[in-house]
Amino acid sequence: MSQSTFDVNHRLVELTMVLKYKNYKKKILPTLTYVNLEDYLNHLWRNKSPRTLNQAVDVVWNVAANDVVRFLSTQAVIDAAKKNLEDFADVIGGELTYGKNTTKEK
């Protein structure tokens, strides 16, 4: 009998994730994507995956919306910290040159 790995790629764990995702998408977090949930679970299980299907399903089903949002917010800050200010020019507005906002007047 081979031992299965119960992670986000296991077929039955994926089914549970889809059910949880659909529930959150419909009732709590309409902007949540399946990949967001998958990333959060990968983060939870980065050091130790569940040993049984029951454990994996329990973790997925008990994921709290605020924990997912907190994780995604932290990831956004970490990702943003790795970028240059020029990468945010479309959000800030104008053209950035040497750290100065040089918006062209029309």
Protein backbone atom coordinates (compact mmCIF):
# COMPACT_ATOMS: atom_id res chain seq x y z
CA MET A 1 0.00 0.00 0.00
CA SER A 2 1.57 3.27 -1.11
CA GLN A 3 1.36 6.37 1.04
CA SER A 4 -0.41 9.29 -0.64
CA THR A 5 0.60 12.90 -0.29
CA PHE A 6 -2.37 14.96 0.77
CA ASP A 7 -1.57 18.39 -0.62
CA VAL A 8 -3.29 20.82 -2.98
CA ASN A 9 -2.60 18.49 -5.92
CA HIS A 10 -4.41 15.49 -4.46
CA ARG A 11 -7.67 14.87 -6.32
CA LEU A 12 -9.90 14.64 -3.23
CA VAL A 13 -8.24 17.62 -1.56
CA GLU A 14 -8.83 19.59 -4.78
CA LEU A 15 -12.51 18.65 -4.63
CA THR A 16 -12.71 19.95 -1.06
CA MET A 17 -10.92 23.12 -2.10
CA VAL A 18 -13.39 23.71 -4.93
CA LEU A 19 -16.30 23.34 -2.52
CA LYS A 20 -14.72 25.76 -0.04
CA TYR A 21 -13.83 28.18 -2.84
CA LYS A 22 -17.38 28.16 -4.25
CA ASN A 23 -18.80 28.75 -0.76
CA TYR A 24 -16.50 31.72 -0.10
CA LYS A 25 -16.95 33.13 -3.60
CA LYS A 26 -20.73 33.07 -3.25
CA LYS A 27 -21.15 34.21 0.36
CA ILE A 28 -18.04 35.89 1.79
CA LEU A 29 -15.23 36.83 -0.63
CA PRO A 30 -16.55 37.44 -4.16
CA THR A 31 -13.08 38.46 -5.41
CA LEU A 32 -11.33 35.33 -4.11
CA THR A 33 -9.75 33.10 -6.73
CA TYR A 34 -9.04 29.41 -6.52
CA VAL A 35 -5.33 30.21 -6.84
CA ASN A 36 -5.59 32.48 -3.76
CA LEU A 37 -6.94 29.59 -1.72
CA GLU A 38 -4.34 27.24 -3.17
CA ASP A 39 -1.52 29.67 -2.32
CA TYR A 40 -2.77 30.01 1.24
CA LEU A 41 -2.92 26.23 1.73
CA ASN A 42 0.52 25.79 0.19
CA HIS A 43 1.75 28.36 2.71
CA LEU A 44 0.11 26.45 5.58
CA TRP A 45 1.54 23.16 4.39
CA ARG A 46 4.99 24.40 3.28
CA ASN A 47 6.80 22.52 6.03
CA LYS A 48 4.43 19.66 6.74
CA SER A 49 1.60 18.31 4.61
CA PRO A 50 -1.33 16.55 6.28
CA ARG A 51 -0.71 12.85 6.83
CA THR A 52 -4.29 11.77 6.17
CA LEU A 53 -7.08 12.82 3.88
CA ASN A 54 -9.20 13.55 6.94
CA GLN A 55 -6.60 16.03 8.22
CA ALA A 56 -6.35 17.75 4.84
CA VAL A 57 -10.11 18.08 4.46
CA ASP A 58 -10.40 19.37 8.02
CA VAL A 59 -7.80 22.07 7.37
CA VAL A 60 -9.42 23.14 4.08
CA TRP A 61 -12.90 23.22 5.52
CA ASN A 62 -11.78 25.24 8.55
CA VAL A 63 -9.91 27.92 6.59
CA ALA A 64 -11.08 31.29 7.88
CA ALA A 65 -11.70 34.09 5.39
CA ASN A 66 -9.82 36.62 7.50
CA ASP A 67 -6.74 34.35 7.52
CA VAL A 68 -6.77 34.16 3.72
CA VAL A 69 -7.14 37.93 3.43
CA ARG A 70 -4.35 38.50 5.97
CA PHE A 71 -2.07 36.11 4.04
CA LEU A 72 -2.84 37.75 0.69
CA SER A 73 -2.25 41.22 2.16
CA THR A 74 1.10 40.16 3.55
CA GLN A 75 2.08 38.58 0.23
CA ALA A 76 1.15 41.80 -1.60
CA VAL A 77 3.38 43.84 0.71
CA ILE A 78 6.27 41.38 0.30
CA ASP A 79 5.88 41.37 -3.49
CA ALA A 80 5.65 45.18 -3.62
CA ALA A 81 8.79 45.57 -1.53
CA LYS A 82 10.75 43.70 -4.19
CA LYS A 83 9.75 46.15 -6.93
CA ASN A 84 11.05 49.54 -7.97
CA LEU A 85 9.04 52.73 -7.66
CA GLU A 86 8.82 52.88 -11.45
CA ASP A 87 6.75 49.68 -11.38
CA PHE A 88 3.98 51.67 -9.68
CA ALA A 89 3.90 54.60 -12.11
CA ASP A 90 0.53 53.52 -13.50
CA VAL A 91 -0.94 53.57 -9.99
CA ILE A 92 0.75 56.77 -8.82
CA GLY A 93 0.20 58.60 -12.09
CA GLY A 94 2.61 60.49 -14.27
CA GLU A 95 6.13 59.61 -15.23
CA LEU A 96 8.73 58.94 -12.59
CA THR A 97 12.27 60.13 -13.16
CA TYR A 98 14.91 59.66 -10.49
CA GLY A 99 12.32 59.38 -7.77
CA LYS A 100 10.48 62.58 -8.74
CA ASN A 101 6.99 62.72 -10.14
CA THR A 102 7.23 64.65 -13.41
CA THR A 103 3.64 64.78 -14.58
CA LYS A 104 3.27 66.45 -17.93
CA GLU A 105 0.79 69.32 -17.98
CA LYS A 106 -1.49 69.58 -21.00
